[in-house]
């Protein structure tokens, strides 16, 4: 959903053509931090979740992901920088909350449900219980936080998670929160029945727009500051490329 709203052509390359995607440095760093936090909150008992435990969790995450992301291919210097930056993000996490207070109910849980003719799914970083026993959905971000004018847009994914949680679990979360570890800052909101009805309407509208794009073969690029990090830029007509070249290269790789 997010990718389609940002750039129709990138959505086509990823979700429809399923072109091979190389893991980027920011994506690897994000995976490291997410797995380290999952290990810290899921494997370390409350009362022992200090920064030393977080560093041990990061090392365990590094070992677990080293083969998947082929760390050796990015070089020893890059791996060292990766671990250093991930360590800083984990340290920043402690400024947002005391991990010993977290009562995690689920970590990195896949939720999916049918909404009419479309199936929506998402991986919830964390669902926990507050002091009153109510559900709180938390998502970690390792990139830059949005401008204040775009904070509500950044919460769309979490509103979808809250909507999914209600559909699957039968319980409306009392709060959704984004933890931007780079600053660090937290952005939170309280879902309401009206807000979750709005999520349903928005999901259906985006799905209708995707169907129209498929029927008309119209997946237009949307140039923005994000283009500099897009691995499909060489195939983008906004930069003089040809989308057909991407599909031809993918077919050659597949054969």
Protein backbone atom coordinates (compact mmCIF):
# COMPACT_ATOMS: atom_id res chain seq x y z
CA UNK A 1 0.00 0.00 0.00
CA UNK A 2 2.72 2.42 1.00
CA UNK A 3 4.83 1.73 -2.10
CA UNK A 4 1.88 2.17 -4.48
CA UNK A 5 1.08 5.54 -2.92
CA UNK A 6 4.71 6.64 -3.20
CA UNK A 7 5.39 5.45 -6.75
CA UNK A 8 3.20 3.38 -9.06
CA UNK A 9 6.12 2.21 -11.19
CA UNK A 10 8.15 1.02 -8.19
CA UNK A 11 5.05 -0.86 -7.01
CA UNK A 12 4.80 -2.60 -10.38
CA UNK A 13 8.46 -3.61 -10.37
CA UNK A 14 8.21 -5.00 -6.83
CA UNK A 15 4.70 -6.41 -6.40
CA UNK A 16 3.69 -7.39 -9.93
CA UNK A 17 6.85 -8.02 -11.95
CA UNK A 18 8.59 -9.22 -8.75
CA UNK A 19 11.97 -8.06 -9.97
CA UNK A 20 14.95 -9.24 -7.90
CA UNK A 21 15.70 -6.79 -5.10
CA UNK A 22 19.12 -6.51 -3.49
CA UNK A 23 19.02 -5.75 0.25
CA UNK A 24 20.17 -2.20 0.83
CA UNK A 25 22.43 -1.02 3.63
CA UNK A 26 19.51 0.72 5.45
CA UNK A 27 17.34 -2.38 5.06
CA UNK A 28 20.03 -4.65 6.52
CA UNK A 29 20.52 -2.23 9.42
CA UNK A 30 16.78 -2.17 10.04
CA UNK A 31 16.59 -5.96 10.05
CA UNK A 32 19.49 -6.15 12.52
CA UNK A 33 17.89 -3.70 14.94
CA UNK A 34 14.43 -5.30 14.68
CA UNK A 35 15.81 -8.77 15.36
CA UNK A 36 17.95 -7.50 18.25
CA UNK A 37 14.91 -5.88 19.87
CA UNK A 38 12.88 -9.02 19.29
CA UNK A 39 15.56 -11.04 21.08
CA UNK A 40 15.92 -8.49 23.90
CA UNK A 41 12.18 -8.38 24.66
CA UNK A 42 11.41 -12.01 23.84
CA UNK A 43 14.37 -13.89 25.27
CA UNK A 44 15.74 -11.73 28.09
CA UNK A 45 13.64 -11.78 31.29
CA UNK A 46 12.31 -8.52 32.70
CA UNK A 47 14.76 -7.02 35.15
CA UNK A 48 17.78 -7.94 33.04
CA UNK A 49 17.08 -5.95 29.88
CA UNK A 50 19.94 -3.47 30.14
CA UNK A 51 22.26 -2.09 27.45
CA UNK A 52 24.68 -4.96 27.90
CA UNK A 53 21.85 -7.40 27.18
CA UNK A 54 20.94 -5.31 24.12
CA UNK A 55 24.51 -5.57 22.80
CA UNK A 56 24.43 -9.33 23.29
CA UNK A 57 21.09 -9.45 21.47
CA UNK A 58 22.63 -7.44 18.61
CA UNK A 59 25.52 -9.87 18.32
CA UNK A 60 23.10 -12.79 18.26
CA UNK A 61 21.11 -11.00 15.53
CA UNK A 62 24.29 -10.37 13.53
CA UNK A 63 25.17 -14.07 13.59
CA UNK A 64 21.61 -15.05 12.65
CA UNK A 65 21.46 -12.65 9.67
CA UNK A 66 25.06 -12.84 8.44
CA UNK A 67 24.39 -15.67 5.99
CA UNK A 68 21.02 -14.33 4.80
CA UNK A 69 22.48 -10.95 3.86
CA UNK A 70 25.92 -12.25 2.85
CA UNK A 71 27.75 -9.73 5.02
CA UNK A 72 31.07 -10.73 3.50
CA UNK A 73 29.95 -9.23 0.18
CA UNK A 74 29.71 -5.70 1.59
CA UNK A 75 33.18 -5.75 3.12
CA UNK A 76 34.57 -5.78 6.63
CA UNK A 77 34.57 -1.98 6.96
CA UNK A 78 30.89 -1.73 6.02
CA UNK A 79 29.97 -4.51 8.45
CA UNK A 80 31.83 -2.69 11.23
CA UNK A 81 29.94 0.54 10.45
CA UNK A 82 26.69 -1.40 10.31
CA UNK A 83 27.17 -2.81 13.80
CA UNK A 84 28.25 0.55 15.19
CA UNK A 85 25.20 2.34 13.79
CA UNK A 86 22.86 -0.42 14.97
CA UNK A 87 24.39 -0.17 18.47
CA UNK A 88 23.66 3.56 18.57
CA UNK A 89 20.04 2.95 17.55
CA UNK A 90 19.66 0.36 20.30
CA UNK A 91 21.12 2.78 22.85
CA UNK A 92 18.62 5.40 21.67
CA UNK A 93 15.78 2.93 22.22
CA UNK A 94 16.46 3.09 25.97
CA UNK A 95 15.65 6.82 25.86
CA UNK A 96 12.13 6.06 24.65
CA UNK A 97 11.12 3.47 27.24
CA UNK A 98 12.34 1.10 29.93
CA UNK A 99 12.39 -2.34 28.26
CA UNK A 100 11.89 -3.99 31.67
CA UNK A 101 8.40 -2.45 31.73
CA UNK A 102 7.36 -4.00 28.41
CA UNK A 103 4.83 -6.84 28.64
CA UNK A 104 5.11 -8.17 25.10
CA UNK A 105 2.20 -10.27 23.90
CA UNK A 106 3.59 -10.90 20.45
CA UNK A 107 6.74 -9.98 18.54
CA UNK A 108 7.09 -9.84 14.75
CA UNK A 109 3.69 -11.51 14.30
CA UNK A 110 2.19 -11.84 10.82
CA UNK A 111 -1.48 -10.88 10.71
CA UNK A 112 -3.68 -11.33 7.67
CA UNK A 113 -7.38 -11.10 6.93
CA UNK A 114 -9.71 -10.94 3.95
CA UNK A 115 -11.39 -7.63 3.27
CA UNK A 116 -13.82 -8.30 0.47
CA UNK A 117 -11.80 -9.38 -2.56
CA UNK A 118 -8.42 -8.32 -1.19
CA UNK A 119 -6.30 -9.93 1.51
CA UNK A 120 -4.39 -7.54 3.70
CA UNK A 121 -1.39 -8.64 5.72
CA UNK A 122 1.34 -7.12 7.77
CA UNK A 123 4.01 -8.00 10.30
CA UNK A 124 3.44 -6.26 13.64
CA UNK A 125 6.77 -5.45 15.28
CA UNK A 126 5.30 -5.59 18.76
CA UNK A 127 1.98 -5.91 20.55
CA UNK A 128 2.17 -5.38 24.30
CA UNK A 129 -0.14 -4.78 27.26
CA UNK A 130 -0.15 -1.51 29.18
CA UNK A 131 -0.66 -1.23 32.95
CA UNK A 132 -4.44 -1.58 32.47
CA UNK A 133 -4.06 -4.68 30.28
CA UNK A 134 -4.94 -2.91 27.03
CA UNK A 135 -3.16 -3.64 23.74
CA UNK A 136 -0.52 -1.24 22.41
CA UNK A 137 0.89 -1.69 18.89
CA UNK A 138 4.48 -0.49 18.48
CA UNK A 139 6.55 -0.17 15.31
CA UNK A 140 10.28 0.59 15.19
CA UNK A 141 11.78 2.86 12.55
CA UNK A 142 15.52 3.18 11.92
CA UNK A 143 15.30 5.98 9.35
CA UNK A 144 14.65 9.68 9.73
CA UNK A 145 11.40 10.78 11.37
CA UNK A 146 8.85 12.60 9.19
CA UNK A 147 8.27 16.32 9.21
CA UNK A 148 5.50 17.34 11.63
CA UNK A 149 3.19 17.96 8.66
CA UNK A 150 3.59 14.31 7.59
CA UNK A 151 3.25 12.59 10.96
CA UNK A 152 -0.28 11.38 10.29
CA UNK A 153 0.77 9.88 6.94
CA UNK A 154 3.54 7.98 8.74
CA UNK A 155 0.95 6.38 11.02
CA UNK A 156 -1.08 4.83 8.18
CA UNK A 157 0.72 1.49 8.43
CA UNK A 158 0.08 1.32 12.16
CA UNK A 159 -3.60 2.11 11.69
CA UNK A 160 -3.72 -0.82 9.26
CA UNK A 161 -2.05 -3.02 11.91
CA UNK A 162 -4.60 -1.86 14.50
CA UNK A 163 -7.39 -2.63 12.03
CA UNK A 164 -5.91 -6.09 11.37
CA UNK A 165 -5.52 -6.73 15.08
CA UNK A 166 -9.18 -5.94 15.63
CA UNK A 167 -10.25 -8.19 12.73
CA UNK A 168 -8.06 -11.13 13.77
CA UNK A 169 -8.01 -10.83 17.55
CA UNK A 170 -11.38 -9.15 18.15
CA UNK A 171 -9.87 -6.36 20.24
CA UNK A 172 -9.23 -2.71 19.40
CA UNK A 173 -5.73 -1.52 20.40
CA UNK A 174 -5.79 1.39 22.80
CA UNK A 175 -2.70 3.03 21.31
CA UNK A 176 -0.40 2.87 18.30
CA UNK A 177 3.13 4.23 18.45
CA UNK A 178 6.08 4.73 16.13
CA UNK A 179 9.54 4.70 17.68
CA UNK A 180 12.03 6.59 15.53
CA UNK A 181 15.31 5.37 16.97
CA UNK A 182 17.57 7.73 15.06
CA UNK A 183 16.43 10.89 16.90
CA UNK A 184 14.99 9.32 19.12
CA UNK A 185 11.34 10.42 19.17
CA UNK A 186 7.98 8.67 19.52
CA UNK A 187 4.82 9.44 17.56
CA UNK A 188 1.61 7.97 18.95
CA UNK A 189 -2.14 8.05 18.39
CA UNK A 190 -5.26 6.52 19.87
CA UNK A 191 -7.29 4.46 17.36
CA UNK A 192 -11.04 5.02 17.37
CA UNK A 193 -13.90 3.11 15.78
CA UNK A 194 -14.29 5.93 13.27
CA UNK A 195 -10.56 5.94 12.46
CA UNK A 196 -10.54 2.18 11.81
CA UNK A 197 -13.60 2.50 9.57
CA UNK A 198 -11.56 5.07 7.68
CA UNK A 199 -8.74 2.52 7.32
CA UNK A 200 -11.18 0.09 5.71
CA UNK A 201 -12.32 2.78 3.28
CA UNK A 202 -8.71 3.73 2.46
CA UNK A 203 -7.63 0.11 1.90
CA UNK A 204 -10.57 -0.43 -0.46
CA UNK A 205 -9.80 2.81 -2.32
CA UNK A 206 -6.13 1.88 -2.77
CA UNK A 207 -7.11 -1.59 -3.97
CA UNK A 208 -9.51 -0.06 -6.53
CA UNK A 209 -6.72 2.24 -7.73
CA UNK A 210 -4.36 -0.74 -8.10
CA UNK A 211 -6.97 -2.65 -10.11
CA UNK A 212 -7.47 0.34 -12.43
CA UNK A 213 -3.72 0.66 -12.91
CA UNK A 214 -3.53 -3.03 -13.83
CA UNK A 215 -6.44 -2.81 -16.27
CA UNK A 216 -4.99 0.26 -18.00
CA UNK A 217 -1.34 -0.72 -17.68
CA UNK A 218 -0.72 2.67 -16.11
CA UNK A 219 1.95 2.62 -13.43
CA UNK A 220 3.42 6.09 -13.46
CA UNK A 221 6.64 7.09 -11.71
CA UNK A 222 6.43 9.75 -9.04
CA UNK A 223 9.82 11.47 -8.75
CA UNK A 224 10.76 12.53 -5.23
CA UNK A 225 13.70 12.70 -2.85
CA UNK A 226 13.34 8.92 -2.44
CA UNK A 227 14.50 8.36 -6.02
CA UNK A 228 18.17 8.65 -5.08
CA UNK A 229 17.91 5.40 -3.10
CA UNK A 230 15.76 3.52 -5.64
CA UNK A 231 17.53 0.57 -7.21
CA UNK A 232 15.21 0.71 -10.24
CA UNK A 233 16.19 4.26 -11.19
CA UNK A 234 18.08 3.02 -14.33
CA UNK A 235 14.77 1.65 -15.66
CA UNK A 236 12.66 4.69 -14.80
CA UNK A 237 11.48 6.93 -17.67
CA UNK A 238 11.76 9.93 -15.33
CA UNK A 239 15.53 9.34 -15.53
CA UNK A 240 15.70 8.33 -19.19
CA UNK A 241 15.24 4.59 -18.61
CA UNK A 242 12.88 2.03 -20.12
CA UNK A 243 10.72 -0.15 -17.78
CA UNK A 244 10.74 -2.91 -20.38
CA UNK A 245 14.50 -3.29 -19.88
CA UNK A 246 13.91 -4.23 -16.23
CA UNK A 247 11.54 -7.03 -17.17
CA UNK A 248 13.84 -8.29 -19.93
CA UNK A 249 16.78 -8.40 -17.50
CA UNK A 250 14.65 -10.22 -14.95
CA UNK A 251 13.69 -12.82 -17.55
CA UNK A 252 17.36 -13.32 -18.46
CA UNK A 253 18.28 -13.81 -14.79
CA UNK A 254 15.40 -16.24 -14.35
CA UNK A 255 16.42 -18.28 -17.35
